[in-house]
């Protein structure tokens, strides 16, 4: 089957198994429209396995198909693209990273897709040493706010394997005044995780921005602190905004 035929097969399967109850269940977690078929986990896995079992299914064909899937507004299409690409992780090259990078300019439109990409794919790109932090430096200023979120969320798992956090803090510093809520949440999440490992170092970084950075970052970053600890990062009256 060609990539277009594979796409059509998935679309037909999603349409035939549309479940509005599931769509409504998850729509509350998203701002704006949540466009989905309402497939459950088992149905998604079934379709992924069916595609991978097709004669002549190669890594190259999966990469080409993924570009069609991610362009679709249907949530499950991106989930399936992620799972298909991950299946071939043992033979990944830099081309696989470049394909995933391209997804953000054609169809990544919510936090869930973004975080799934980071957890399932970006972590492996780093683990396999196909990329270094410099490979995603341009993501910090990308037009797509979800690619900017991915720039920091992608670092959570690699950070947990490190004992030196300075390069990570230097990397995210230019993002601490990003205008978008979804990026603030990602930054706060990352900083909360660094705080769990090295509280003093994380707090030293946070205090530099307490007067100017968006408060949502601190809401997430300080979530596990004591009430007394959180007070250290309350903005003073002279702080802006």
C-alpha atoms as a PDB file:
ATOM      1  CA  UNK A   1       0.000   0.000   0.000  1.00  0.00           C
ATOM      2  CA  UNK A   2       1.100   3.543  -0.676  1.00  0.00           C
ATOM      3  CA  UNK A   3       1.242   6.150   2.121  1.00  0.00           C
ATOM      4  CA  UNK A   4      -1.965   7.696   0.770  1.00  0.00           C
ATOM      5  CA  UNK A   5      -3.719   4.336   0.853  1.00  0.00           C
ATOM      6  CA  UNK A   6      -2.508   3.706   4.397  1.00  0.00           C
ATOM      7  CA  UNK A   7      -3.835   7.101   5.429  1.00  0.00           C
ATOM      8  CA  UNK A   8      -7.206   6.327   3.835  1.00  0.00           C
ATOM      9  CA  UNK A   9      -7.344   2.979   5.610  1.00  0.00           C
ATOM     10  CA  UNK A  10      -6.781   4.602   8.998  1.00  0.00           C
ATOM     11  CA  UNK A  11      -9.313   7.345   8.284  1.00  0.00           C
ATOM     12  CA  UNK A  12     -11.938   4.809   7.258  1.00  0.00           C
ATOM     13  CA  UNK A  13     -11.273   2.751  10.381  1.00  0.00           C
ATOM     14  CA  UNK A  14     -11.600   5.826  12.573  1.00  0.00           C
ATOM     15  CA  UNK A  15     -14.834   6.897  10.895  1.00  0.00           C
ATOM     16  CA  UNK A  16     -16.344   3.422  11.187  1.00  0.00           C
ATOM     17  CA  UNK A  17     -15.455   3.233  14.888  1.00  0.00           C
ATOM     18  CA  UNK A  18     -16.280   6.809  15.868  1.00  0.00           C
ATOM     19  CA  UNK A  19     -17.244   7.042  19.535  1.00  0.00           C
ATOM     20  CA  UNK A  20     -18.640  10.392  20.608  1.00  0.00           C
ATOM     21  CA  UNK A  21     -18.692   9.352  24.280  1.00  0.00           C
ATOM     22  CA  UNK A  22     -14.907   8.999  24.295  1.00  0.00           C
ATOM     23  CA  UNK A  23     -14.500  12.247  22.376  1.00  0.00           C
ATOM     24  CA  UNK A  24     -16.563  14.125  24.958  1.00  0.00           C
ATOM     25  CA  UNK A  25     -14.709  12.452  27.836  1.00  0.00           C
ATOM     26  CA  UNK A  26     -11.346  13.815  26.718  1.00  0.00           C
ATOM     27  CA  UNK A  27     -12.446  17.100  25.142  1.00  0.00           C
ATOM     28  CA  UNK A  28     -12.531  18.762  28.575  1.00  0.00           C
ATOM     29  CA  UNK A  29      -8.745  18.522  28.807  1.00  0.00           C
ATOM     30  CA  UNK A  30      -8.262  20.709  25.739  1.00  0.00           C
ATOM     31  CA  UNK A  31      -8.832  24.374  25.068  1.00  0.00           C
ATOM     32  CA  UNK A  32     -10.744  24.939  21.861  1.00  0.00           C
ATOM     33  CA  UNK A  33     -11.884  22.142  19.603  1.00  0.00           C
ATOM     34  CA  UNK A  34     -10.769  18.572  20.257  1.00  0.00           C
ATOM     35  CA  UNK A  35     -11.066  16.795  16.920  1.00  0.00           C
ATOM     36  CA  UNK A  36     -10.919  13.014  17.335  1.00  0.00           C
ATOM     37  CA  UNK A  37     -12.516   9.776  16.231  1.00  0.00           C
ATOM     38  CA  UNK A  38     -12.849   8.582  19.804  1.00  0.00           C
ATOM     39  CA  UNK A  39     -10.820   5.399  19.354  1.00  0.00           C
ATOM     40  CA  UNK A  40      -9.786   3.604  22.519  1.00  0.00           C
ATOM     41  CA  UNK A  41      -6.266   2.377  23.232  1.00  0.00           C
ATOM     42  CA  UNK A  42      -6.931  -1.146  22.024  1.00  0.00           C
ATOM     43  CA  UNK A  43      -8.317   0.092  18.714  1.00  0.00           C
ATOM     44  CA  UNK A  44      -5.296   2.316  18.119  1.00  0.00           C
ATOM     45  CA  UNK A  45      -2.907  -0.549  18.899  1.00  0.00           C
ATOM     46  CA  UNK A  46      -4.870  -2.860  16.607  1.00  0.00           C
ATOM     47  CA  UNK A  47      -4.583  -0.456  13.693  1.00  0.00           C
ATOM     48  CA  UNK A  48      -0.886   0.209  14.291  1.00  0.00           C
ATOM     49  CA  UNK A  49      -0.156  -3.539  14.364  1.00  0.00           C
ATOM     50  CA  UNK A  50      -2.207  -4.049  11.219  1.00  0.00           C
ATOM     51  CA  UNK A  51      -0.212  -1.383   9.357  1.00  0.00           C
ATOM     52  CA  UNK A  52       3.127  -2.756  10.505  1.00  0.00           C
ATOM     53  CA  UNK A  53       2.126  -6.234   9.345  1.00  0.00           C
ATOM     54  CA  UNK A  54       1.437  -5.044   5.793  1.00  0.00           C
ATOM     55  CA  UNK A  55       3.790  -6.462   3.141  1.00  0.00           C
ATOM     56  CA  UNK A  56       6.601  -4.070   2.230  1.00  0.00           C
ATOM     57  CA  UNK A  57       6.180  -1.853   5.276  1.00  0.00           C
ATOM     58  CA  UNK A  58       9.501  -0.101   5.766  1.00  0.00           C
ATOM     59  CA  UNK A  59      10.872   2.630   7.958  1.00  0.00           C
ATOM     60  CA  UNK A  60      11.020   4.952   4.955  1.00  0.00           C
ATOM     61  CA  UNK A  61       7.376   4.323   4.104  1.00  0.00           C
ATOM     62  CA  UNK A  62       6.376   4.954   7.711  1.00  0.00           C
ATOM     63  CA  UNK A  63       8.191   8.304   7.718  1.00  0.00           C
ATOM     64  CA  UNK A  64       6.417   9.345   4.529  1.00  0.00           C
ATOM     65  CA  UNK A  65       3.068   8.171   5.888  1.00  0.00           C
ATOM     66  CA  UNK A  66       3.627  10.024   9.158  1.00  0.00           C
ATOM     67  CA  UNK A  67       3.681  13.355   7.320  1.00  0.00           C
ATOM     68  CA  UNK A  68       0.210  12.663   5.973  1.00  0.00           C
ATOM     69  CA  UNK A  69      -1.089  11.501   9.340  1.00  0.00           C
ATOM     70  CA  UNK A  70       0.186  14.514  11.279  1.00  0.00           C
ATOM     71  CA  UNK A  71      -1.433  16.905   8.801  1.00  0.00           C
ATOM     72  CA  UNK A  72      -4.822  15.463   9.737  1.00  0.00           C
ATOM     73  CA  UNK A  73      -6.718  17.351  12.454  1.00  0.00           C
ATOM     74  CA  UNK A  74      -7.785  14.038  14.017  1.00  0.00           C
ATOM     75  CA  UNK A  75      -5.978  13.458  17.304  1.00  0.00           C
ATOM     76  CA  UNK A  76      -5.466   9.722  16.812  1.00  0.00           C
ATOM     77  CA  UNK A  77      -3.680  10.238  13.507  1.00  0.00           C
ATOM     78  CA  UNK A  78      -0.699  11.793  15.286  1.00  0.00           C
ATOM     79  CA  UNK A  79      -0.785   9.120  17.997  1.00  0.00           C
ATOM     80  CA  UNK A  80      -0.599   6.438  15.302  1.00  0.00           C
ATOM     81  CA  UNK A  81       2.230   8.297  13.536  1.00  0.00           C
ATOM     82  CA  UNK A  82       4.220   8.358  16.778  1.00  0.00           C
ATOM     83  CA  UNK A  83       3.732   4.648  17.396  1.00  0.00           C
ATOM     84  CA  UNK A  84       4.628   3.724  13.822  1.00  0.00           C
ATOM     85  CA  UNK A  85       7.834   5.755  13.879  1.00  0.00           C
ATOM     86  CA  UNK A  86       8.817   4.404  17.307  1.00  0.00           C
ATOM     87  CA  UNK A  87       8.508   0.831  16.056  1.00  0.00           C
ATOM     88  CA  UNK A  88      11.597   1.343  13.896  1.00  0.00           C
ATOM     89  CA  UNK A  89      13.704   3.029  16.600  1.00  0.00           C
ATOM     90  CA  UNK A  90      16.499   0.459  16.369  1.00  0.00           C
ATOM     91  CA  UNK A  91      17.280   1.590  12.816  1.00  0.00           C
ATOM     92  CA  UNK A  92      16.679   5.327  13.267  1.00  0.00           C
ATOM     93  CA  UNK A  93      18.973   7.861  11.638  1.00  0.00           C
ATOM     94  CA  UNK A  94      19.007  11.651  11.762  1.00  0.00           C
ATOM     95  CA  UNK A  95      16.336  11.549   9.026  1.00  0.00           C
ATOM     96  CA  UNK A  96      13.828  10.255  11.573  1.00  0.00           C
ATOM     97  CA  UNK A  97      14.505  13.217  13.852  1.00  0.00           C
ATOM     98  CA  UNK A  98      14.193  15.622  10.916  1.00  0.00           C
ATOM     99  CA  UNK A  99      10.828  14.107  10.022  1.00  0.00           C
ATOM    100  CA  UNK A 100       9.519  14.481  13.571  1.00  0.00           C
ATOM    101  CA  UNK A 101      10.863  18.032  13.643  1.00  0.00           C
ATOM    102  CA  UNK A 102       8.877  18.762  10.471  1.00  0.00           C
ATOM    103  CA  UNK A 103       5.670  17.601  12.141  1.00  0.00           C
ATOM    104  CA  UNK A 104       5.487  20.804  14.177  1.00  0.00           C
ATOM    105  CA  UNK A 105       5.218  22.973  11.079  1.00  0.00           C
ATOM    106  CA  UNK A 106       2.421  20.907   9.544  1.00  0.00           C
ATOM    107  CA  UNK A 107       0.091  19.711  12.252  1.00  0.00           C
ATOM    108  CA  UNK A 108       1.013  19.537  15.954  1.00  0.00           C
ATOM    109  CA  UNK A 109      -1.742  21.547  17.600  1.00  0.00           C
ATOM    110  CA  UNK A 110      -2.092  20.537  21.248  1.00  0.00           C
ATOM    111  CA  UNK A 111      -0.146  19.786  24.409  1.00  0.00           C
ATOM    112  CA  UNK A 112      -1.014  16.071  24.487  1.00  0.00           C
ATOM    113  CA  UNK A 113       0.460  15.370  21.049  1.00  0.00           C
ATOM    114  CA  UNK A 114       3.516  17.398  22.030  1.00  0.00           C
ATOM    115  CA  UNK A 115       4.164  15.616  25.304  1.00  0.00           C
ATOM    116  CA  UNK A 116       3.635  12.211  23.711  1.00  0.00           C
ATOM    117  CA  UNK A 117       6.243  13.054  21.057  1.00  0.00           C
ATOM    118  CA  UNK A 118       8.648  14.172  23.784  1.00  0.00           C
ATOM    119  CA  UNK A 119       8.157  11.129  25.977  1.00  0.00           C
ATOM    120  CA  UNK A 120       8.060   8.465  23.278  1.00  0.00           C
ATOM    121  CA  UNK A 121      10.385   9.809  20.569  1.00  0.00           C
ATOM    122  CA  UNK A 122      12.551  12.706  21.706  1.00  0.00           C
ATOM    123  CA  UNK A 123      13.777  10.793  24.720  1.00  0.00           C
ATOM    124  CA  UNK A 124      15.007   8.016  22.435  1.00  0.00           C
ATOM    125  CA  UNK A 125      16.692  10.426  20.030  1.00  0.00           C
ATOM    126  CA  UNK A 126      18.748  11.691  22.964  1.00  0.00           C
ATOM    127  CA  UNK A 127      19.313   8.238  24.443  1.00  0.00           C
ATOM    128  CA  UNK A 128      20.588   6.890  21.124  1.00  0.00           C
ATOM    129  CA  UNK A 129      22.810   9.995  20.796  1.00  0.00           C
ATOM    130  CA  UNK A 130      21.308  10.846  17.424  1.00  0.00           C
ATOM    131  CA  UNK A 131      20.859  14.391  18.687  1.00  0.00           C
ATOM    132  CA  UNK A 132      22.296  16.711  21.310  1.00  0.00           C
ATOM    133  CA  UNK A 133      20.630  19.668  22.978  1.00  0.00           C
ATOM    134  CA  UNK A 134      21.983  21.961  20.243  1.00  0.00           C
ATOM    135  CA  UNK A 135      19.790  20.152  17.685  1.00  0.00           C
ATOM    136  CA  UNK A 136      16.666  21.637  19.243  1.00  0.00           C
ATOM    137  CA  UNK A 137      18.038  25.101  20.040  1.00  0.00           C
ATOM    138  CA  UNK A 138      16.001  26.642  17.209  1.00  0.00           C
ATOM    139  CA  UNK A 139      12.829  25.149  18.689  1.00  0.00           C
ATOM    140  CA  UNK A 140      12.950  27.740  21.466  1.00  0.00           C
ATOM    141  CA  UNK A 141      11.864  30.471  19.037  1.00  0.00           C
ATOM    142  CA  UNK A 142       9.723  28.398  16.667  1.00  0.00           C
ATOM    143  CA  UNK A 143       6.479  29.872  15.367  1.00  0.00           C
ATOM    144  CA  UNK A 144       4.498  26.913  16.718  1.00  0.00           C
ATOM    145  CA  UNK A 145       4.099  27.346  20.478  1.00  0.00           C
ATOM    146  CA  UNK A 146       3.911  23.573  20.877  1.00  0.00           C
ATOM    147  CA  UNK A 147       7.342  23.185  19.322  1.00  0.00           C
ATOM    148  CA  UNK A 148       8.601  25.711  21.875  1.00  0.00           C
ATOM    149  CA  UNK A 149       6.956  23.641  24.607  1.00  0.00           C
ATOM    150  CA  UNK A 150       8.659  20.564  23.173  1.00  0.00           C
ATOM    151  CA  UNK A 151      12.035  22.310  23.406  1.00  0.00           C
ATOM    152  CA  UNK A 152      11.813  22.151  27.187  1.00  0.00           C
ATOM    153  CA  UNK A 153       9.625  19.075  27.786  1.00  0.00           C
ATOM    154  CA  UNK A 154      12.018  17.038  25.614  1.00  0.00           C
ATOM    155  CA  UNK A 155      14.709  17.651  28.218  1.00  0.00           C
ATOM    156  CA  UNK A 156      12.907  16.183  31.222  1.00  0.00           C
ATOM    157  CA  UNK A 157      14.006  12.573  30.749  1.00  0.00           C
ATOM    158  CA  UNK A 158      17.594  13.424  29.663  1.00  0.00           C
ATOM    159  CA  UNK A 159      17.866  15.764  32.655  1.00  0.00           C
ATOM    160  CA  UNK A 160      16.955  12.952  35.042  1.00  0.00           C
ATOM    161  CA  UNK A 161      19.979  11.010  33.791  1.00  0.00           C
ATOM    162  CA  UNK A 162      22.334  13.917  34.407  1.00  0.00           C
ATOM    163  CA  UNK A 163      23.956  15.332  37.515  1.00  0.00           C
ATOM    164  CA  UNK A 164      24.964  18.653  35.966  1.00  0.00           C
ATOM    165  CA  UNK A 165      22.000  20.921  35.267  1.00  0.00           C
ATOM    166  CA  UNK A 166      23.758  24.137  34.221  1.00  0.00           C
ATOM    167  CA  UNK A 167      23.550  23.379  30.465  1.00  0.00           C
ATOM    168  CA  UNK A 168      19.811  22.792  30.820  1.00  0.00           C
ATOM    169  CA  UNK A 169      19.244  26.037  32.704  1.00  0.00           C
ATOM    170  CA  UNK A 170      21.335  27.953  30.172  1.00  0.00           C
ATOM    171  CA  UNK A 171      19.228  26.413  27.412  1.00  0.00           C
ATOM    172  CA  UNK A 172      15.822  27.337  28.861  1.00  0.00           C
ATOM    173  CA  UNK A 173      16.808  30.787  30.169  1.00  0.00           C
ATOM    174  CA  UNK A 174      15.840  32.561  26.890  1.00  0.00           C
ATOM    175  CA  UNK A 175      12.397  30.972  27.165  1.00  0.00           C
ATOM    176  CA  UNK A 176      11.521  32.263  30.621  1.00  0.00           C
ATOM    177  CA  UNK A 177       9.535  35.166  29.165  1.00  0.00           C
ATOM    178  CA  UNK A 178       7.731  33.268  26.414  1.00  0.00           C
ATOM    179  CA  UNK A 179       4.189  34.651  25.979  1.00  0.00           C
ATOM    180  CA  UNK A 180       2.284  31.353  25.753  1.00  0.00           C
ATOM    181  CA  UNK A 181       0.584  29.480  28.595  1.00  0.00           C
ATOM    182  CA  UNK A 182       1.453  26.039  27.214  1.00  0.00           C
ATOM    183  CA  UNK A 183       5.141  26.947  27.231  1.00  0.00           C
ATOM    184  CA  UNK A 184       4.873  28.276  30.807  1.00  0.00           C
ATOM    185  CA  UNK A 185       3.413  24.926  31.876  1.00  0.00           C
ATOM    186  CA  UNK A 186       6.233  23.049  30.182  1.00  0.00           C
ATOM    187  CA  UNK A 187       8.883  25.231  31.812  1.00  0.00           C
ATOM    188  CA  UNK A 188       7.288  24.863  35.223  1.00  0.00           C
ATOM    189  CA  UNK A 189       7.064  21.099  34.815  1.00  0.00           C
ATOM    190  CA  UNK A 190      10.734  20.867  33.860  1.00  0.00           C
ATOM    191  CA  UNK A 191      11.823  23.086  36.752  1.00  0.00           C
ATOM    192  CA  UNK A 192       9.727  21.121  39.234  1.00  0.00           C
ATOM    193  CA  UNK A 193      11.523  17.958  38.141  1.00  0.00           C
ATOM    194  CA  UNK A 194      14.963  19.587  38.481  1.00  0.00           C
ATOM    195  CA  UNK A 195      13.974  20.860  41.920  1.00  0.00           C
ATOM    196  CA  UNK A 196      13.218  17.302  43.040  1.00  0.00           C
ATOM    197  CA  UNK A 197      16.802  16.315  42.221  1.00  0.00           C
ATOM    198  CA  UNK A 198      18.749  19.458  43.136  1.00  0.00           C
ATOM    199  CA  UNK A 199      16.519  21.871  45.112  1.00  0.00           C
ATOM    200  CA  UNK A 200      19.160  24.472  45.890  1.00  0.00           C
ATOM    201  CA  UNK A 201      20.321  24.762  42.283  1.00  0.00           C
ATOM    202  CA  UNK A 202      16.746  24.972  40.968  1.00  0.00           C
ATOM    203  CA  UNK A 203      15.845  27.638  43.503  1.00  0.00           C
ATOM    204  CA  UNK A 204      18.899  29.695  42.583  1.00  0.00           C
ATOM    205  CA  UNK A 205      17.697  29.683  38.975  1.00  0.00           C
ATOM    206  CA  UNK A 206      14.087  30.455  39.879  1.00  0.00           C
ATOM    207  CA  UNK A 207      14.895  33.412  42.091  1.00  0.00           C
ATOM    208  CA  UNK A 208      16.545  35.151  39.121  1.00  0.00           C
ATOM    209  CA  UNK A 209      13.182  35.331  37.372  1.00  0.00           C
ATOM    210  CA  UNK A 210      10.662  35.685  40.165  1.00  0.00           C
ATOM    211  CA  UNK A 211       9.993  39.361  39.432  1.00  0.00           C
ATOM    212  CA  UNK A 212       9.650  39.097  35.665  1.00  0.00           C
ATOM    213  CA  UNK A 213       8.721  35.593  34.485  1.00  0.00           C
ATOM    214  CA  UNK A 214       5.067  34.488  34.172  1.00  0.00           C
ATOM    215  CA  UNK A 215       3.601  33.322  37.471  1.00  0.00           C
ATOM    216  CA  UNK A 216       2.288  30.077  35.969  1.00  0.00           C
ATOM    217  CA  UNK A 217       5.880  28.860  35.639  1.00  0.00           C
ATOM    218  CA  UNK A 218       6.307  29.277  39.386  1.00  0.00           C
ATOM    219  CA  UNK A 219       2.937  27.718  40.144  1.00  0.00           C
ATOM    220  CA  UNK A 220       4.129  24.503  38.502  1.00  0.00           C
ATOM    221  CA  UNK A 221       7.786  24.729  39.543  1.00  0.00           C
ATOM    222  CA  UNK A 222       6.999  25.294  43.225  1.00  0.00           C
ATOM    223  CA  UNK A 223       4.155  22.782  43.442  1.00  0.00           C
ATOM    224  CA  UNK A 224       6.018  20.323  45.703  1.00  0.00           C
ATOM    225  CA  UNK A 225       7.563  22.959  47.963  1.00  0.00           C
ATOM    226  CA  UNK A 226       6.340  23.734  51.459  1.00  0.00           C
ATOM    227  CA  UNK A 227       4.229  26.846  51.945  1.00  0.00           C
ATOM    228  CA  UNK A 228       7.275  28.536  53.459  1.00  0.00           C
ATOM    229  CA  UNK A 229       9.397  27.544  50.476  1.00  0.00           C
ATOM    230  CA  UNK A 230       6.874  28.932  48.006  1.00  0.00           C
ATOM    231  CA  UNK A 231       6.959  32.297  49.788  1.00  0.00           C
ATOM    232  CA  UNK A 232      10.538  32.831  48.616  1.00  0.00           C
ATOM    233  CA  UNK A 233       9.287  33.031  45.053  1.00  0.00           C
ATOM    234  CA  UNK A 234       6.314  35.296  45.551  1.00  0.00           C
ATOM    235  CA  UNK A 235       6.652  38.409  43.397  1.00  0.00           C
ATOM    236  CA  UNK A 236       7.233  41.605  45.327  1.00  0.00           C
ATOM    237  CA  UNK A 237       4.960  44.629  44.833  1.00  0.00           C
ATOM    238  CA  UNK A 238       7.580  46.272  42.628  1.00  0.00           C
ATOM    239  CA  UNK A 239       7.560  43.247  40.289  1.00  0.00           C
ATOM    240  CA  UNK A 240       5.996  43.813  36.896  1.00  0.00           C
ATOM    241  CA  UNK A 241       2.727  42.278  35.696  1.00  0.00           C
END
